[in-house]
Amino acid sequence: MKPLVKLSLLGFAAAALVLMVTIAHAQNPLPSWNDGLPKKAIVEFVMKVTKEGSPDFVPPAERIATFDNDGTL
């Protein structure tokens, strides 16, 4: 097989792998969090403010998140 074809196939395979991992990760928001009231509250809040047509919708340009040095909200 020619080197260019091998390189193209390798690039395609890498892109497909990244896409599959991204999709699998997106199925569980906050996968490292334990299921409970805090996780449920955060997920519900994010769904309300990001769903167009919701009375609580916040346009992307107006969304702000603040983190301290250890990464918490």
N, C-alpha and C. Protein backbone atom coordinates (compact mmCIF):
# COMPACT_ATOMS: atom_id res chain seq x y z
N MET A 1 0.85 -1.18 0.00
CA MET A 1 0.00 0.00 0.00
C MET A 1 0.89 1.23 0.00
N LYS A 2 0.50 2.23 -0.71
CA LYS A 2 1.29 3.45 -0.81
C LYS A 2 1.26 4.21 0.51
N PRO A 3 2.37 4.89 0.83
CA PRO A 3 2.44 5.62 2.10
C PRO A 3 1.34 6.67 2.27
N LEU A 4 0.96 7.34 1.20
CA LEU A 4 -0.08 8.36 1.30
C LEU A 4 -1.43 7.74 1.64
N VAL A 5 -1.71 6.59 1.05
CA VAL A 5 -2.97 5.89 1.34
C VAL A 5 -2.98 5.43 2.79
N LYS A 6 -1.85 4.88 3.25
CA LYS A 6 -1.75 4.43 4.64
C LYS A 6 -1.96 5.60 5.60
N LEU A 7 -1.34 6.72 5.30
CA LEU A 7 -1.47 7.90 6.15
C LEU A 7 -2.90 8.41 6.16
N SER A 8 -3.55 8.40 5.01
CA SER A 8 -4.95 8.83 4.94
C SER A 8 -5.86 7.92 5.75
N LEU A 9 -5.65 6.61 5.62
CA LEU A 9 -6.46 5.66 6.38
C LEU A 9 -6.22 5.81 7.88
N LEU A 10 -4.98 6.03 8.27
CA LEU A 10 -4.66 6.22 9.68
C LEU A 10 -5.34 7.48 10.22
N GLY A 11 -5.31 8.55 9.44
CA GLY A 11 -5.97 9.79 9.85
C GLY A 11 -7.47 9.62 9.98
N PHE A 12 -8.07 8.91 9.04
CA PHE A 12 -9.51 8.65 9.10
C PHE A 12 -9.86 7.81 10.31
N ALA A 13 -9.07 6.79 10.59
CA ALA A 13 -9.32 5.92 11.75
C ALA A 13 -9.19 6.71 13.05
N ALA A 14 -8.21 7.58 13.13
CA ALA A 14 -8.03 8.40 14.34
C ALA A 14 -9.21 9.34 14.53
N ALA A 15 -9.67 9.96 13.46
CA ALA A 15 -10.82 10.87 13.56
C ALA A 15 -12.08 10.11 13.97
N ALA A 16 -12.27 8.93 13.43
CA ALA A 16 -13.44 8.12 13.80
C ALA A 16 -13.38 7.72 15.28
N LEU A 17 -12.20 7.38 15.76
CA LEU A 17 -12.04 7.01 17.17
C LEU A 17 -12.36 8.19 18.08
N VAL A 18 -11.87 9.36 17.75
CA VAL A 18 -12.15 10.56 18.55
C VAL A 18 -13.65 10.84 18.56
N LEU A 19 -14.31 10.71 17.42
CA LEU A 19 -15.75 10.94 17.34
C LEU A 19 -16.51 9.94 18.20
N MET A 20 -16.14 8.67 18.16
CA MET A 20 -16.83 7.66 18.95
C MET A 20 -16.66 7.91 20.45
N VAL A 21 -15.46 8.28 20.87
CA VAL A 21 -15.21 8.56 22.28
C VAL A 21 -16.02 9.77 22.72
N THR A 22 -16.09 10.79 21.89
CA THR A 22 -16.85 11.99 22.22
C THR A 22 -18.33 11.66 22.37
N ILE A 23 -18.87 10.87 21.48
CA ILE A 23 -20.29 10.50 21.56
C ILE A 23 -20.55 9.66 22.80
N ALA A 24 -19.68 8.71 23.09
CA ALA A 24 -19.86 7.86 24.27
C ALA A 24 -19.79 8.69 25.55
N HIS A 25 -18.89 9.65 25.59
CA HIS A 25 -18.74 10.49 26.78
C HIS A 25 -19.94 11.41 26.96
N ALA A 26 -20.53 11.87 25.88
CA ALA A 26 -21.65 12.81 25.95
C ALA A 26 -22.93 12.15 26.44
N GLN A 27 -23.01 10.83 26.43
CA GLN A 27 -24.22 10.15 26.86
C GLN A 27 -24.45 10.27 28.36
N ASN A 28 -23.43 10.51 29.15
CA ASN A 28 -23.57 10.64 30.59
C ASN A 28 -22.95 11.96 31.02
N PRO A 29 -23.77 13.01 31.19
CA PRO A 29 -23.19 14.26 31.65
C PRO A 29 -22.61 14.09 33.05
N LEU A 30 -21.47 14.66 33.29
CA LEU A 30 -20.79 14.57 34.58
C LEU A 30 -20.54 13.11 34.99
N PRO A 31 -19.86 12.34 34.14
CA PRO A 31 -19.68 10.91 34.42
C PRO A 31 -18.91 10.61 35.70
N SER A 32 -18.08 11.53 36.16
CA SER A 32 -17.31 11.26 37.37
C SER A 32 -18.09 11.62 38.64
N TRP A 33 -19.26 12.21 38.50
CA TRP A 33 -20.09 12.58 39.66
C TRP A 33 -20.94 11.39 40.08
N ASN A 34 -21.18 11.27 41.39
CA ASN A 34 -22.13 10.28 41.90
C ASN A 34 -23.54 10.76 41.58
N ASP A 35 -24.44 9.82 41.29
CA ASP A 35 -25.84 10.19 41.09
C ASP A 35 -26.40 10.68 42.41
N GLY A 36 -27.12 11.77 42.37
CA GLY A 36 -27.69 12.33 43.58
C GLY A 36 -28.32 13.68 43.28
N LEU A 37 -28.79 14.34 44.33
CA LEU A 37 -29.47 15.62 44.15
C LEU A 37 -28.58 16.71 43.55
N PRO A 38 -27.32 16.86 43.98
CA PRO A 38 -26.49 17.92 43.38
C PRO A 38 -26.30 17.73 41.87
N LYS A 39 -26.00 16.50 41.44
CA LYS A 39 -25.82 16.23 40.01
C LYS A 39 -27.12 16.48 39.26
N LYS A 40 -28.23 16.01 39.81
CA LYS A 40 -29.53 16.19 39.16
C LYS A 40 -29.85 17.68 39.02
N ALA A 41 -29.59 18.46 40.07
CA ALA A 41 -29.89 19.90 40.04
C ALA A 41 -29.07 20.62 38.98
N ILE A 42 -27.78 20.29 38.90
CA ILE A 42 -26.91 20.94 37.91
C ILE A 42 -27.35 20.58 36.49
N VAL A 43 -27.60 19.30 36.24
CA VAL A 43 -28.00 18.86 34.90
C VAL A 43 -29.33 19.51 34.50
N GLU A 44 -30.29 19.55 35.42
CA GLU A 44 -31.58 20.18 35.11
C GLU A 44 -31.41 21.67 34.84
N PHE A 45 -30.57 22.35 35.62
CA PHE A 45 -30.33 23.77 35.41
C PHE A 45 -29.74 24.02 34.02
N VAL A 46 -28.74 23.25 33.67
CA VAL A 46 -28.08 23.43 32.36
C VAL A 46 -29.07 23.16 31.23
N MET A 47 -29.91 22.14 31.40
CA MET A 47 -30.90 21.85 30.35
C MET A 47 -31.88 23.01 30.20
N LYS A 48 -32.31 23.61 31.31
CA LYS A 48 -33.27 24.72 31.25
C LYS A 48 -32.68 25.94 30.56
N VAL A 49 -31.45 26.29 30.90
CA VAL A 49 -30.88 27.53 30.38
C VAL A 49 -30.29 27.39 28.97
N THR A 50 -30.15 26.14 28.48
CA THR A 50 -29.60 25.95 27.14
C THR A 50 -30.63 25.53 26.10
N LYS A 51 -31.87 25.28 26.54
CA LYS A 51 -32.92 24.85 25.60
C LYS A 51 -33.64 26.07 25.03
N GLU A 52 -33.47 26.29 23.72
CA GLU A 52 -34.14 27.42 23.08
C GLU A 52 -35.65 27.26 23.23
N GLY A 53 -36.31 28.36 23.54
CA GLY A 53 -37.75 28.34 23.74
C GLY A 53 -38.13 28.21 25.21
N SER A 54 -37.18 27.80 26.04
CA SER A 54 -37.43 27.71 27.47
C SER A 54 -37.51 29.11 28.05
N PRO A 55 -38.39 29.34 29.05
CA PRO A 55 -38.45 30.67 29.66
C PRO A 55 -37.16 31.04 30.38
N ASP A 56 -36.34 30.05 30.71
CA ASP A 56 -35.07 30.29 31.40
C ASP A 56 -33.87 30.32 30.45
N PHE A 57 -34.12 30.26 29.13
CA PHE A 57 -33.03 30.21 28.14
C PHE A 57 -32.10 31.41 28.28
N VAL A 58 -30.80 31.11 28.24
CA VAL A 58 -29.77 32.16 28.27
C VAL A 58 -28.97 32.03 26.97
N PRO A 59 -28.92 33.08 26.15
CA PRO A 59 -28.15 33.01 24.91
C PRO A 59 -26.68 32.72 25.20
N PRO A 60 -26.01 31.97 24.31
CA PRO A 60 -24.61 31.62 24.55
C PRO A 60 -23.71 32.81 24.87
N ALA A 61 -23.93 33.93 24.22
CA ALA A 61 -23.07 35.10 24.45
C ALA A 61 -23.21 35.65 25.87
N GLU A 62 -24.31 35.33 26.54
CA GLU A 62 -24.55 35.84 27.89
C GLU A 62 -24.23 34.82 28.98
N ARG A 63 -23.77 33.64 28.61
CA ARG A 63 -23.48 32.59 29.60
C ARG A 63 -22.09 32.81 30.18
N ILE A 64 -22.02 32.78 31.51
CA ILE A 64 -20.75 32.99 32.21
C ILE A 64 -20.62 31.92 33.28
N ALA A 65 -19.46 31.33 33.41
CA ALA A 65 -19.17 30.38 34.49
C ALA A 65 -17.90 30.86 35.18
N THR A 66 -17.89 30.78 36.49
CA THR A 66 -16.72 31.20 37.26
C THR A 66 -16.19 30.00 38.03
N PHE A 67 -14.89 29.77 37.94
CA PHE A 67 -14.26 28.64 38.62
C PHE A 67 -13.16 29.18 39.53
N ASP A 68 -12.98 28.54 40.68
CA ASP A 68 -11.83 28.92 41.50
C ASP A 68 -10.66 28.00 41.14
N ASN A 69 -9.58 28.09 41.86
CA ASN A 69 -8.34 27.41 41.47
C ASN A 69 -8.42 25.89 41.48
N ASP A 70 -9.33 25.30 42.26
CA ASP A 70 -9.38 23.84 42.26
C ASP A 70 -10.42 23.29 41.29
N GLY A 71 -11.02 24.16 40.48
CA GLY A 71 -11.91 23.71 39.43
C GLY A 71 -13.37 23.62 39.81
N THR A 72 -13.71 23.99 41.03
CA THR A 72 -15.12 23.93 41.43
C THR A 72 -15.84 25.19 40.99
N LEU A 73 -17.15 25.11 40.94
CA LEU A 73 -17.95 26.28 40.57
C LEU A 73 -17.95 27.29 41.68
